[in-house]
Amino acid sequence: MKVLVATEKPFAAVAVNGIKEVLDNAGVEMVLLEKYPDKAALLKAVEDVDGLIVRSDIVDAEVFDAAPKLKIVVRAGAGYDNIDLNAATTKGVCVMNTPGQNSNAVAELVFGMTILMIRNHFNGTSGTELKGKKLGIHAYGQVGRNVARIAKGFDMEIYAFDPYCPDDVMKKDGVTPVASAEELYKTCQFVSLHIPATA
C-alpha cells in the first residue's frame, strides 16, 4: 500500500514525521508531494496510490479519475468543501476529515485579525481595545468554542448562534446564546463565522 501526502501549503515537519511514523509502523509506504507547481503534478502523483492526505488542496473528479487504486482521501482539517464527494462516491472512495485538529490555530487567527481591525490595521492612529466589546460566534463547534475561550481572556461579551448546539452548552461556557443569525449580527460589534462553506 502507498499513501500520498499532497499539500500545496506544506504541513509542519512534526506533522509529516508523525504521519510517516504511523504509516511506517503499519507497513505502508508514504510519498510526499509538497509545494507542487500545478495540478498536473498532483494528477501524476496519484496514479498509483491507495490513500491520499491533503489540506485544502482540490480533490475533484479529475483527481479521482487519475487515481484508479485510490480507496481513501483524508482532509487534514474540518469540512469537505475541497473534496468532490459525488465523484468520490462514484469511484467508491471513502472520504474523511479531522475536525478539531486545527481548531485552536484557527481561533488564534481570529484574534490576530480582530486585533488588526480594532487597532485600525496599525496605521498610526490609536484604535481602541477589545475589552468590553461584543463578540458574536456564528456556529459553536470546535473552533467557536476555542474562540469563546480566548475571548474570555480579552474580557469580551460573548454571544453565539448555533441551531445545532443546545443553549445550556453555551451558557455553561459563559456564552450568551441568541435565537438567530440576524440577532447575532445586530447585537455584536465583531462576528466570527465558523460555518461550512455551503450554499
N, C-alpha and C. Protein backbone atom coordinates (compact mmCIF):
# COMPACT_ATOMS: atom_id res chain seq x y z
N MET A 1 0.84 -1.19 0.00
CA MET A 1 0.00 0.00 0.00
C MET A 1 0.88 1.24 0.00
N LYS A 2 0.30 2.31 -0.60
CA LYS A 2 1.03 3.57 -0.69
C LYS A 2 0.07 4.72 -0.41
N VAL A 3 0.53 5.66 0.43
CA VAL A 3 -0.25 6.84 0.76
C VAL A 3 0.52 8.07 0.33
N LEU A 4 -0.17 8.95 -0.38
CA LEU A 4 0.42 10.21 -0.83
C LEU A 4 -0.04 11.33 0.09
N VAL A 5 0.92 12.08 0.62
CA VAL A 5 0.62 13.31 1.36
C VAL A 5 0.90 14.44 0.37
N ALA A 6 -0.17 15.07 -0.12
CA ALA A 6 -0.04 16.09 -1.17
C ALA A 6 -0.56 17.43 -0.64
N THR A 7 0.34 18.38 -0.52
CA THR A 7 -0.05 19.69 0.02
C THR A 7 0.67 20.80 -0.72
N GLU A 8 -0.13 21.69 -1.31
CA GLU A 8 0.48 22.88 -1.90
C GLU A 8 1.12 23.73 -0.80
N LYS A 9 0.43 23.81 0.33
CA LYS A 9 0.92 24.51 1.51
C LYS A 9 1.38 23.44 2.49
N PRO A 10 2.67 23.25 2.65
CA PRO A 10 3.18 22.11 3.42
C PRO A 10 2.73 22.07 4.88
N PHE A 11 2.63 20.85 5.38
CA PHE A 11 2.41 20.63 6.81
C PHE A 11 3.68 21.00 7.56
N ALA A 12 3.56 21.21 8.84
CA ALA A 12 4.75 21.37 9.69
C ALA A 12 5.52 20.05 9.66
N ALA A 13 6.84 20.15 9.78
CA ALA A 13 7.68 18.95 9.73
C ALA A 13 7.27 17.93 10.77
N VAL A 14 6.88 18.38 11.95
CA VAL A 14 6.48 17.44 13.02
C VAL A 14 5.25 16.64 12.59
N ALA A 15 4.35 17.25 11.84
CA ALA A 15 3.16 16.55 11.36
C ALA A 15 3.54 15.50 10.31
N VAL A 16 4.38 15.89 9.37
CA VAL A 16 4.82 14.95 8.33
C VAL A 16 5.55 13.77 8.96
N ASN A 17 6.43 14.06 9.92
CA ASN A 17 7.17 12.98 10.59
C ASN A 17 6.22 12.07 11.36
N GLY A 18 5.20 12.64 11.98
CA GLY A 18 4.22 11.84 12.70
C GLY A 18 3.42 10.94 11.78
N ILE A 19 3.00 11.49 10.64
CA ILE A 19 2.26 10.69 9.64
C ILE A 19 3.15 9.55 9.15
N LYS A 20 4.39 9.89 8.84
CA LYS A 20 5.32 8.88 8.32
C LYS A 20 5.55 7.76 9.34
N GLU A 21 5.70 8.13 10.60
CA GLU A 21 5.93 7.12 11.63
C GLU A 21 4.74 6.17 11.75
N VAL A 22 3.53 6.71 11.73
CA VAL A 22 2.33 5.87 11.82
C VAL A 22 2.25 4.93 10.62
N LEU A 23 2.49 5.49 9.42
CA LEU A 23 2.41 4.66 8.21
C LEU A 23 3.52 3.62 8.17
N ASP A 24 4.74 4.01 8.56
CA ASP A 24 5.85 3.04 8.60
C ASP A 24 5.52 1.88 9.53
N ASN A 25 4.99 2.21 10.71
CA ASN A 25 4.64 1.17 11.68
C ASN A 25 3.55 0.25 11.16
N ALA A 26 2.72 0.74 10.24
CA ALA A 26 1.66 -0.08 9.65
C ALA A 26 2.13 -0.79 8.38
N GLY A 27 3.39 -0.58 8.01
CA GLY A 27 3.92 -1.21 6.80
C GLY A 27 3.42 -0.57 5.52
N VAL A 28 3.07 0.71 5.61
CA VAL A 28 2.55 1.44 4.45
C VAL A 28 3.59 2.46 3.99
N GLU A 29 3.83 2.50 2.69
CA GLU A 29 4.78 3.46 2.12
C GLU A 29 4.14 4.85 2.05
N MET A 30 4.89 5.87 2.43
CA MET A 30 4.41 7.25 2.32
C MET A 30 5.21 7.98 1.24
N VAL A 31 4.49 8.72 0.41
CA VAL A 31 5.11 9.57 -0.61
C VAL A 31 4.69 11.00 -0.30
N LEU A 32 5.62 11.93 -0.40
CA LEU A 32 5.35 13.33 -0.06
C LEU A 32 5.44 14.20 -1.30
N LEU A 33 4.39 14.98 -1.55
CA LEU A 33 4.36 15.94 -2.66
C LEU A 33 3.99 17.29 -2.07
N GLU A 34 4.99 18.15 -1.87
CA GLU A 34 4.75 19.47 -1.28
C GLU A 34 5.04 20.57 -2.30
N LYS A 35 4.33 21.67 -2.14
CA LYS A 35 4.55 22.86 -2.98
C LYS A 35 4.56 22.49 -4.46
N TYR A 36 3.66 21.61 -4.85
CA TYR A 36 3.67 21.17 -6.25
C TYR A 36 3.27 22.34 -7.16
N PRO A 37 3.86 22.40 -8.36
CA PRO A 37 3.72 23.58 -9.21
C PRO A 37 2.36 23.74 -9.90
N ASP A 38 1.69 22.60 -10.16
CA ASP A 38 0.42 22.67 -10.88
C ASP A 38 -0.36 21.38 -10.66
N LYS A 39 -1.59 21.38 -11.15
CA LYS A 39 -2.46 20.22 -10.96
C LYS A 39 -1.90 18.98 -11.66
N ALA A 40 -1.19 19.17 -12.76
CA ALA A 40 -0.62 18.04 -13.48
C ALA A 40 0.31 17.22 -12.58
N ALA A 41 1.04 17.89 -11.70
CA ALA A 41 1.93 17.18 -10.77
C ALA A 41 1.13 16.32 -9.81
N LEU A 42 0.00 16.85 -9.34
CA LEU A 42 -0.87 16.06 -8.45
C LEU A 42 -1.46 14.88 -9.19
N LEU A 43 -1.94 15.10 -10.41
CA LEU A 43 -2.53 14.02 -11.20
C LEU A 43 -1.53 12.90 -11.45
N LYS A 44 -0.30 13.23 -11.70
CA LYS A 44 0.75 12.24 -11.91
C LYS A 44 1.03 11.47 -10.61
N ALA A 45 1.06 12.19 -9.48
CA ALA A 45 1.41 11.59 -8.20
C ALA A 45 0.34 10.62 -7.68
N VAL A 46 -0.92 10.81 -8.06
CA VAL A 46 -1.99 9.95 -7.54
C VAL A 46 -2.19 8.67 -8.36
N GLU A 47 -1.46 8.52 -9.43
CA GLU A 47 -1.69 7.39 -10.35
C GLU A 47 -1.62 6.02 -9.70
N ASP A 48 -0.75 5.85 -8.69
CA ASP A 48 -0.56 4.51 -8.12
C ASP A 48 -0.70 4.48 -6.60
N VAL A 49 -1.49 5.41 -6.03
CA VAL A 49 -1.63 5.44 -4.57
C VAL A 49 -2.96 4.86 -4.12
N ASP A 50 -2.95 4.32 -2.91
CA ASP A 50 -4.15 3.74 -2.31
C ASP A 50 -4.85 4.75 -1.40
N GLY A 51 -4.06 5.70 -0.87
CA GLY A 51 -4.60 6.71 0.03
C GLY A 51 -4.03 8.07 -0.28
N LEU A 52 -4.78 9.11 0.08
CA LEU A 52 -4.36 10.48 -0.19
C LEU A 52 -4.69 11.34 1.03
N ILE A 53 -3.71 12.10 1.50
CA ILE A 53 -3.92 13.04 2.60
C ILE A 53 -3.64 14.44 2.04
N VAL A 54 -4.62 15.35 2.22
CA VAL A 54 -4.48 16.72 1.73
C VAL A 54 -4.89 17.70 2.82
N ARG A 55 -4.61 18.97 2.56
CA ARG A 55 -5.11 20.04 3.43
C ARG A 55 -6.31 20.67 2.72
N SER A 56 -6.07 21.80 2.05
CA SER A 56 -7.14 22.47 1.31
C SER A 56 -7.01 22.26 -0.19
N ASP A 57 -6.17 21.34 -0.59
CA ASP A 57 -5.98 21.04 -2.00
C ASP A 57 -7.28 20.50 -2.59
N ILE A 58 -7.54 20.86 -3.84
CA ILE A 58 -8.77 20.45 -4.52
C ILE A 58 -8.64 19.00 -5.00
N VAL A 59 -9.57 18.17 -4.54
CA VAL A 59 -9.63 16.78 -4.99
C VAL A 59 -10.96 16.63 -5.71
N ASP A 60 -10.91 16.81 -7.03
CA ASP A 60 -12.13 16.79 -7.85
C ASP A 60 -12.20 15.53 -8.69
N ALA A 61 -13.18 15.48 -9.58
CA ALA A 61 -13.39 14.29 -10.41
C ALA A 61 -12.16 13.93 -11.22
N GLU A 62 -11.43 14.95 -11.69
CA GLU A 62 -10.22 14.69 -12.47
C GLU A 62 -9.17 13.96 -11.64
N VAL A 63 -9.04 14.32 -10.37
CA VAL A 63 -8.10 13.64 -9.48
C VAL A 63 -8.55 12.19 -9.25
N PHE A 64 -9.84 12.00 -8.97
CA PHE A 64 -10.34 10.64 -8.77
C PHE A 64 -10.16 9.78 -10.02
N ASP A 65 -10.38 10.37 -11.20
CA ASP A 65 -10.19 9.63 -12.45
C ASP A 65 -8.74 9.21 -12.65
N ALA A 66 -7.81 10.04 -12.17
CA ALA A 66 -6.37 9.76 -12.34
C ALA A 66 -5.84 8.76 -11.32
N ALA A 67 -6.67 8.38 -10.34
CA ALA A 67 -6.21 7.52 -9.24
C ALA A 67 -7.05 6.24 -9.15
N PRO A 68 -6.82 5.29 -10.04
CA PRO A 68 -7.67 4.09 -10.09
C PRO A 68 -7.57 3.19 -8.85
N LYS A 69 -6.48 3.27 -8.09
CA LYS A 69 -6.30 2.43 -6.91
C LYS A 69 -6.78 3.11 -5.62
N LEU A 70 -7.16 4.36 -5.72
CA LEU A 70 -7.48 5.16 -4.53
C LEU A 70 -8.67 4.57 -3.76
N LYS A 71 -8.47 4.41 -2.44
CA LYS A 71 -9.52 3.87 -1.57
C LYS A 71 -9.99 4.88 -0.54
N ILE A 72 -9.11 5.83 -0.16
CA ILE A 72 -9.45 6.77 0.89
C ILE A 72 -8.75 8.12 0.66
N VAL A 73 -9.49 9.19 0.97
CA VAL A 73 -8.93 10.55 0.98
C VAL A 73 -9.20 11.11 2.37
N VAL A 74 -8.17 11.63 3.00
CA VAL A 74 -8.31 12.27 4.31
C VAL A 74 -7.98 13.73 4.15
N ARG A 75 -8.91 14.57 4.55
CA ARG A 75 -8.70 16.01 4.54
C ARG A 75 -8.24 16.41 5.93
N ALA A 76 -7.03 16.90 6.06
CA ALA A 76 -6.50 17.34 7.35
C ALA A 76 -7.10 18.71 7.66
N GLY A 77 -8.26 18.69 8.26
CA GLY A 77 -9.00 19.90 8.57
C GLY A 77 -10.47 19.55 8.68
N ALA A 78 -11.27 20.56 8.94
CA ALA A 78 -12.71 20.35 9.06
C ALA A 78 -13.38 20.59 7.71
N GLY A 79 -14.50 19.97 7.50
CA GLY A 79 -15.26 20.20 6.28
C GLY A 79 -14.73 19.41 5.10
N TYR A 80 -15.53 19.46 4.03
CA TYR A 80 -15.21 18.72 2.81
C TYR A 80 -15.34 19.60 1.57
N ASP A 81 -15.32 20.91 1.73
CA ASP A 81 -15.61 21.79 0.60
C ASP A 81 -14.57 21.70 -0.52
N ASN A 82 -13.40 21.15 -0.26
CA ASN A 82 -12.39 21.00 -1.31
C ASN A 82 -12.38 19.60 -1.93
N ILE A 83 -13.30 18.74 -1.49
CA ILE A 83 -13.37 17.38 -2.00
C ILE A 83 -14.70 17.20 -2.74
N ASP A 84 -14.64 16.67 -3.95
CA ASP A 84 -15.85 16.38 -4.71
C ASP A 84 -16.43 15.07 -4.19
N LEU A 85 -17.39 15.18 -3.28
CA LEU A 85 -17.96 13.99 -2.64
C LEU A 85 -18.74 13.11 -3.61
N ASN A 86 -19.38 13.73 -4.60
CA ASN A 86 -20.10 12.94 -5.60
C ASN A 86 -19.13 12.08 -6.41
N ALA A 87 -18.01 12.68 -6.81
CA ALA A 87 -17.00 11.92 -7.56
C ALA A 87 -16.42 10.80 -6.71
N ALA A 88 -16.19 11.08 -5.43
CA ALA A 88 -15.67 10.07 -4.51
C ALA A 88 -16.65 8.90 -4.40
N THR A 89 -17.92 9.21 -4.24
CA THR A 89 -18.95 8.18 -4.12
C THR A 89 -19.01 7.33 -5.39
N THR A 90 -18.96 8.00 -6.54
CA THR A 90 -18.99 7.29 -7.82
C THR A 90 -17.82 6.31 -7.94
N LYS A 91 -16.66 6.70 -7.42
CA LYS A 91 -15.47 5.85 -7.51
C LYS A 91 -15.33 4.89 -6.33
N GLY A 92 -16.26 4.98 -5.37
CA GLY A 92 -16.19 4.09 -4.21
C GLY A 92 -15.06 4.43 -3.25
N VAL A 93 -14.71 5.72 -3.18
CA VAL A 93 -13.62 6.17 -2.31
C VAL A 93 -14.20 6.76 -1.03
N CYS A 94 -13.68 6.31 0.09
CA CYS A 94 -14.06 6.83 1.41
C CYS A 94 -13.38 8.18 1.62
N VAL A 95 -14.13 9.16 2.12
CA VAL A 95 -13.56 10.48 2.41
C VAL A 95 -13.76 10.77 3.88
N MET A 96 -12.68 11.19 4.53
CA MET A 96 -12.73 11.51 5.96
C MET A 96 -12.08 12.87 6.18
N ASN A 97 -12.34 13.45 7.36
CA ASN A 97 -11.67 14.69 7.73
C ASN A 97 -11.22 14.60 9.18
N THR A 98 -10.64 15.67 9.68
CA THR A 98 -10.10 15.68 11.04
C THR A 98 -10.62 16.90 11.80
N PRO A 99 -11.93 16.94 12.08
CA PRO A 99 -12.48 18.12 12.74
C PRO A 99 -11.83 18.32 14.11
N GLY A 100 -11.56 19.57 14.43
CA GLY A 100 -10.97 19.91 15.71
C GLY A 100 -9.46 19.90 15.72
N GLN A 101 -8.85 19.28 14.72
CA GLN A 101 -7.40 19.14 14.70
C GLN A 101 -6.68 20.50 14.70
N ASN A 102 -7.22 21.46 13.96
CA ASN A 102 -6.55 22.77 13.87
C ASN A 102 -7.42 23.88 14.47
N SER A 103 -8.37 23.51 15.31
CA SER A 103 -9.34 24.50 15.81
C SER A 103 -8.70 25.59 16.65
N ASN A 104 -7.71 25.28 17.46
CA ASN A 104 -7.06 26.32 18.25
C ASN A 104 -6.29 27.29 17.35
N ALA A 105 -5.61 26.76 16.34
CA ALA A 105 -4.86 27.64 15.43
C ALA A 105 -5.80 28.59 14.70
N VAL A 106 -6.96 28.09 14.29
CA VAL A 106 -7.93 28.95 13.61
C VAL A 106 -8.46 30.00 14.58
N ALA A 107 -8.74 29.60 15.81
CA ALA A 107 -9.24 30.56 16.81
C ALA A 107 -8.19 31.65 17.08
N GLU A 108 -6.94 31.28 17.15
CA GLU A 108 -5.88 32.28 17.35
C GLU A 108 -5.83 33.25 16.17
N LEU A 109 -6.01 32.74 14.96
CA LEU A 109 -6.04 33.60 13.79
C LEU A 109 -7.18 34.60 13.87
N VAL A 110 -8.33 34.16 14.39
CA VAL A 110 -9.48 35.07 14.58
C VAL A 110 -9.03 36.28 15.39
N PHE A 111 -8.28 36.06 16.45
CA PHE A 111 -7.88 37.17 17.30
C PHE A 111 -6.74 37.99 16.71
N GLY A 112 -5.91 37.38 15.91
CA GLY A 112 -4.92 38.17 15.18
C GLY A 112 -5.61 39.16 14.25
N MET A 113 -6.64 38.69 13.55
CA MET A 113 -7.38 39.55 12.63
C MET A 113 -8.22 40.58 13.39
N THR A 114 -8.79 40.17 14.53
CA THR A 114 -9.63 41.07 15.31
C THR A 114 -8.80 42.22 15.89
N ILE A 115 -7.64 41.90 16.40
CA ILE A 115 -6.75 42.95 16.92
C ILE A 115 -6.32 43.88 15.80
N LEU A 116 -6.03 43.31 14.64
CA LEU A 116 -5.65 44.14 13.49
C LEU A 116 -6.77 45.14 13.16
N MET A 117 -8.02 44.68 13.20
CA MET A 117 -9.14 45.58 12.90
C MET A 117 -9.34 46.64 13.98
N ILE A 118 -9.33 46.21 15.24
CA ILE A 118 -9.63 47.15 16.33
C ILE A 118 -8.51 48.19 16.47
N ARG A 119 -7.32 47.88 15.99
CA ARG A 119 -6.18 48.82 16.03
C ARG A 119 -5.96 49.51 14.68
N ASN A 120 -7.03 49.55 13.88
CA ASN A 120 -7.00 50.27 12.59
C ASN A 120 -5.84 49.84 11.70
N HIS A 121 -5.61 48.56 11.65
CA HIS A 121 -4.54 47.98 10.82
C HIS A 121 -3.18 48.58 11.17
N PHE A 122 -3.02 49.03 12.42
CA PHE A 122 -1.77 49.62 12.90
C PHE A 122 -1.29 50.73 11.98
N ASN A 123 -2.24 51.60 11.60
CA ASN A 123 -1.93 52.68 10.64
C ASN A 123 -1.43 53.95 11.31
N GLY A 124 -1.12 53.88 12.58
CA GLY A 124 -0.62 55.07 13.27
C GLY A 124 -1.67 55.79 14.10
N THR A 125 -2.95 55.45 13.89
CA THR A 125 -4.00 56.02 14.73
C THR A 125 -4.18 55.12 15.94
N SER A 126 -4.85 55.63 16.97
CA SER A 126 -4.88 54.91 18.24
C SER A 126 -5.76 53.67 18.25
N GLY A 127 -6.83 53.62 17.50
CA GLY A 127 -7.73 52.47 17.58
C GLY A 127 -8.36 52.40 18.95
N THR A 128 -8.78 51.22 19.35
CA THR A 128 -9.39 51.03 20.66
C THR A 128 -9.00 49.66 21.18
N GLU A 129 -9.78 49.09 22.10
CA GLU A 129 -9.44 47.80 22.67
C GLU A 129 -10.61 46.83 22.57
N LEU A 130 -10.32 45.55 22.76
CA LEU A 130 -11.35 44.52 22.67
C LEU A 130 -12.15 44.39 23.97
N LYS A 131 -11.57 44.77 25.08
CA LYS A 131 -12.24 44.64 26.37
C LYS A 131 -13.62 45.29 26.34
N GLY A 132 -14.63 44.52 26.75
CA GLY A 132 -15.99 45.03 26.81
C GLY A 132 -16.73 45.02 25.49
N LYS A 133 -16.07 44.70 24.39
CA LYS A 133 -16.74 44.64 23.09
C LYS A 133 -17.55 43.35 22.99
N LYS A 134 -18.57 43.38 22.14
CA LYS A 134 -19.44 42.22 21.94
C LYS A 134 -18.94 41.40 20.75
N LEU A 135 -18.64 40.15 21.03
CA LEU A 135 -18.18 39.21 20.01
C LEU A 135 -19.27 38.20 19.75
N GLY A 136 -19.65 38.05 18.48
CA GLY A 136 -20.62 37.03 18.09
C GLY A 136 -19.91 35.86 17.44
N ILE A 137 -20.29 34.67 17.82
CA ILE A 137 -19.71 33.46 17.23
C ILE A 137 -20.83 32.75 16.48
N HIS A 138 -20.69 32.70 15.16
CA HIS A 138 -21.70 32.05 14.31
C HIS A 138 -21.26 30.60 14.10
N ALA A 139 -21.86 29.71 14.87
CA ALA A 139 -21.60 28.26 14.94
C ALA A 139 -20.65 27.99 16.09
N TYR A 140 -21.14 27.19 17.02
CA TYR A 140 -20.42 26.94 18.26
C TYR A 140 -19.88 25.52 18.30
N GLY A 141 -19.04 25.20 17.31
CA GLY A 141 -18.38 23.90 17.27
C GLY A 141 -16.99 24.00 17.87
N GLN A 142 -16.08 23.18 17.38
CA GLN A 142 -14.72 23.14 17.92
C GLN A 142 -14.03 24.51 17.85
N VAL A 143 -14.07 25.14 16.69
CA VAL A 143 -13.40 26.45 16.55
C VAL A 143 -14.13 27.50 17.37
N GLY A 144 -15.45 27.53 17.27
CA GLY A 144 -16.23 28.51 18.01
C GLY A 144 -15.97 28.45 19.50
N ARG A 145 -15.84 27.26 20.04
CA ARG A 145 -15.58 27.10 21.47
C ARG A 145 -14.19 27.61 21.85
N ASN A 146 -13.23 27.40 20.97
CA ASN A 146 -11.89 27.94 21.22
C ASN A 146 -11.88 29.47 21.11
N VAL A 147 -12.66 30.01 20.18
CA VAL A 147 -12.78 31.46 20.07
C VAL A 147 -13.36 32.02 21.37
N ALA A 148 -14.39 31.39 21.90
CA ALA A 148 -15.01 31.84 23.15
C ALA A 148 -13.99 31.80 24.29
N ARG A 149 -13.24 30.73 24.37
CA ARG A 149 -12.23 30.57 25.43
C ARG A 149 -11.21 31.71 25.39
N ILE A 150 -10.74 32.03 24.21
CA ILE A 150 -9.74 33.10 24.07
C ILE A 150 -10.38 34.46 24.34
N ALA A 151 -11.62 34.65 23.88
CA ALA A 151 -12.31 35.93 24.08
C ALA A 151 -12.46 36.27 25.55
N LYS A 152 -12.61 35.25 26.39
CA LYS A 152 -12.71 35.50 27.83
C LYS A 152 -11.46 36.19 28.35
N GLY A 153 -10.31 35.83 27.81
CA GLY A 153 -9.05 36.46 28.21
C GLY A 153 -8.98 37.93 27.85
N PHE A 154 -9.75 38.33 26.84
CA PHE A 154 -9.83 39.73 26.45
C PHE A 154 -10.97 40.46 27.17
N ASP A 155 -11.70 39.75 28.02
CA ASP A 155 -12.82 40.30 28.78
C ASP A 155 -13.89 40.85 27.84
N MET A 156 -14.20 40.09 26.80
CA MET A 156 -15.24 40.47 25.85
C MET A 156 -16.58 39.89 26.28
N GLU A 157 -17.67 40.49 25.83
CA GLU A 157 -19.00 39.90 25.98
C GLU A 157 -19.17 38.93 24.81
N ILE A 158 -19.53 37.71 25.11
CA ILE A 158 -19.54 36.67 24.08
C ILE A 158 -20.97 36.16 23.85
N TYR A 159 -21.38 36.18 22.57
CA TYR A 159 -22.69 35.70 22.14
C TYR A 159 -22.45 34.63 21.07
N ALA A 160 -23.40 33.72 20.94
CA ALA A 160 -23.27 32.70 19.90
C ALA A 160 -24.63 32.30 19.35
N PHE A 161 -24.62 31.94 18.07
CA PHE A 161 -25.79 31.35 17.44
C PHE A 161 -25.37 30.05 16.78
N ASP A 162 -26.06 28.98 17.15
CA ASP A 162 -25.85 27.68 16.53
C ASP A 162 -27.11 26.85 16.76
N PRO A 163 -27.91 26.64 15.70
CA PRO A 163 -29.17 25.91 15.89
C PRO A 163 -28.97 24.45 16.26
N TYR A 164 -27.74 23.94 16.15
CA TYR A 164 -27.47 22.54 16.45
C TYR A 164 -26.83 22.33 17.82
N CYS A 165 -26.53 23.41 18.50
CA CYS A 165 -25.89 23.32 19.81
C CYS A 165 -26.88 23.79 20.88
N PRO A 166 -27.13 22.99 21.90
CA PRO A 166 -28.07 23.39 22.95
C PRO A 166 -27.60 24.65 23.69
N ASP A 167 -28.55 25.49 24.03
CA ASP A 167 -28.24 26.73 24.73
C ASP A 167 -27.48 26.48 26.03
N ASP A 168 -27.82 25.40 26.74
CA ASP A 168 -27.16 25.16 28.03
C ASP A 168 -25.67 24.87 27.88
N VAL A 169 -25.25 24.34 26.73
CA VAL A 169 -23.82 24.12 26.48
C VAL A 169 -23.11 25.47 26.38
N MET A 170 -23.71 26.42 25.67
CA MET A 170 -23.12 27.75 25.56
C MET A 170 -23.11 28.45 26.91
N LYS A 171 -24.24 28.40 27.60
CA LYS A 171 -24.34 29.06 28.91
C LYS A 171 -23.31 28.52 29.89
N LYS A 172 -23.08 27.19 29.86
CA LYS A 172 -22.09 26.57 30.73
C LYS A 172 -20.70 27.16 30.47
N ASP A 173 -20.44 27.56 29.22
CA ASP A 173 -19.16 28.15 28.84
C ASP A 173 -19.12 29.66 29.06
N GLY A 174 -20.20 30.22 29.62
CA GLY A 174 -20.22 31.66 29.85
C GLY A 174 -20.55 32.46 28.60
N VAL A 175 -21.22 31.82 27.66
CA VAL A 175 -21.58 32.44 26.38
C VAL A 175 -23.10 32.66 26.37
N THR A 176 -23.53 33.81 25.87
CA THR A 176 -24.95 34.10 25.77
C THR A 176 -25.49 33.61 24.43
N PRO A 177 -26.41 32.64 24.45
CA PRO A 177 -26.97 32.18 23.18
C PRO A 177 -27.99 33.19 22.64
N VAL A 178 -28.07 33.31 21.33
CA VAL A 178 -29.08 34.14 20.69
C VAL A 178 -29.91 33.25 19.76
N ALA A 179 -31.11 33.73 19.41
CA ALA A 179 -32.07 32.89 18.70
C ALA A 179 -31.90 32.84 17.19
N SER A 180 -31.13 33.77 16.61
CA SER A 180 -31.00 33.78 15.15
C SER A 180 -29.68 34.43 14.74
N ALA A 181 -29.29 34.16 13.51
CA ALA A 181 -28.10 34.81 12.96
C ALA A 181 -28.32 36.32 12.88
N GLU A 182 -29.55 36.72 12.53
CA GLU A 182 -29.86 38.15 12.43
C GLU A 182 -29.65 38.85 13.77
N GLU A 183 -30.10 38.22 14.85
CA GLU A 183 -29.91 38.80 16.18
C GLU A 183 -28.42 38.90 16.53
N LEU A 184 -27.67 37.87 16.18
CA LEU A 184 -26.23 37.87 16.45
C LEU A 184 -25.55 39.05 15.76
N TYR A 185 -25.89 39.25 14.48
CA TYR A 185 -25.24 40.30 13.71
C TYR A 185 -25.67 41.69 14.16
N LYS A 186 -26.91 41.83 14.63
CA LYS A 186 -27.39 43.13 15.13
C LYS A 186 -26.77 43.46 16.48
N THR A 187 -26.51 42.45 17.28
CA THR A 187 -26.06 42.63 18.66
C THR A 187 -24.57 42.91 18.77
N CYS A 188 -23.76 42.30 17.92
CA CYS A 188 -22.31 42.26 18.13
C CYS A 188 -21.53 43.20 17.22
N GLN A 189 -20.43 43.72 17.78
CA GLN A 189 -19.52 44.57 17.01
C GLN A 189 -18.59 43.74 16.13
N PHE A 190 -18.27 42.52 16.58
CA PHE A 190 -17.44 41.59 15.82
C PHE A 190 -18.20 40.29 15.71
N VAL A 191 -18.15 39.66 14.53
CA VAL A 191 -18.75 38.35 14.35
C VAL A 191 -17.72 37.44 13.69
N SER A 192 -17.55 36.28 14.26
CA SER A 192 -16.61 35.29 13.74
C SER A 192 -17.42 34.11 13.22
N LEU A 193 -17.30 33.79 11.93
CA LEU A 193 -18.08 32.74 11.30
C LEU A 193 -17.30 31.43 11.26
N HIS A 194 -17.93 30.36 11.72
CA HIS A 194 -17.29 29.05 11.71
C HIS A 194 -18.29 28.01 11.19
N ILE A 195 -18.82 28.31 10.02
CA ILE A 195 -19.86 27.51 9.38
C ILE A 195 -19.31 26.84 8.13
N PRO A 196 -19.90 25.75 7.71
CA PRO A 196 -19.44 25.09 6.49
C PRO A 196 -19.60 25.98 5.26
N ALA A 197 -18.74 25.79 4.28
CA ALA A 197 -18.80 26.56 3.04
C ALA A 197 -19.82 25.93 2.10
N THR A 198 -21.09 26.11 2.43
CA THR A 198 -22.18 25.59 1.61
C THR A 198 -23.06 26.74 1.13
N ALA A 199 -23.93 26.46 0.21
CA ALA A 199 -24.83 27.49 -0.29
C ALA A 199 -25.70 28.02 0.83
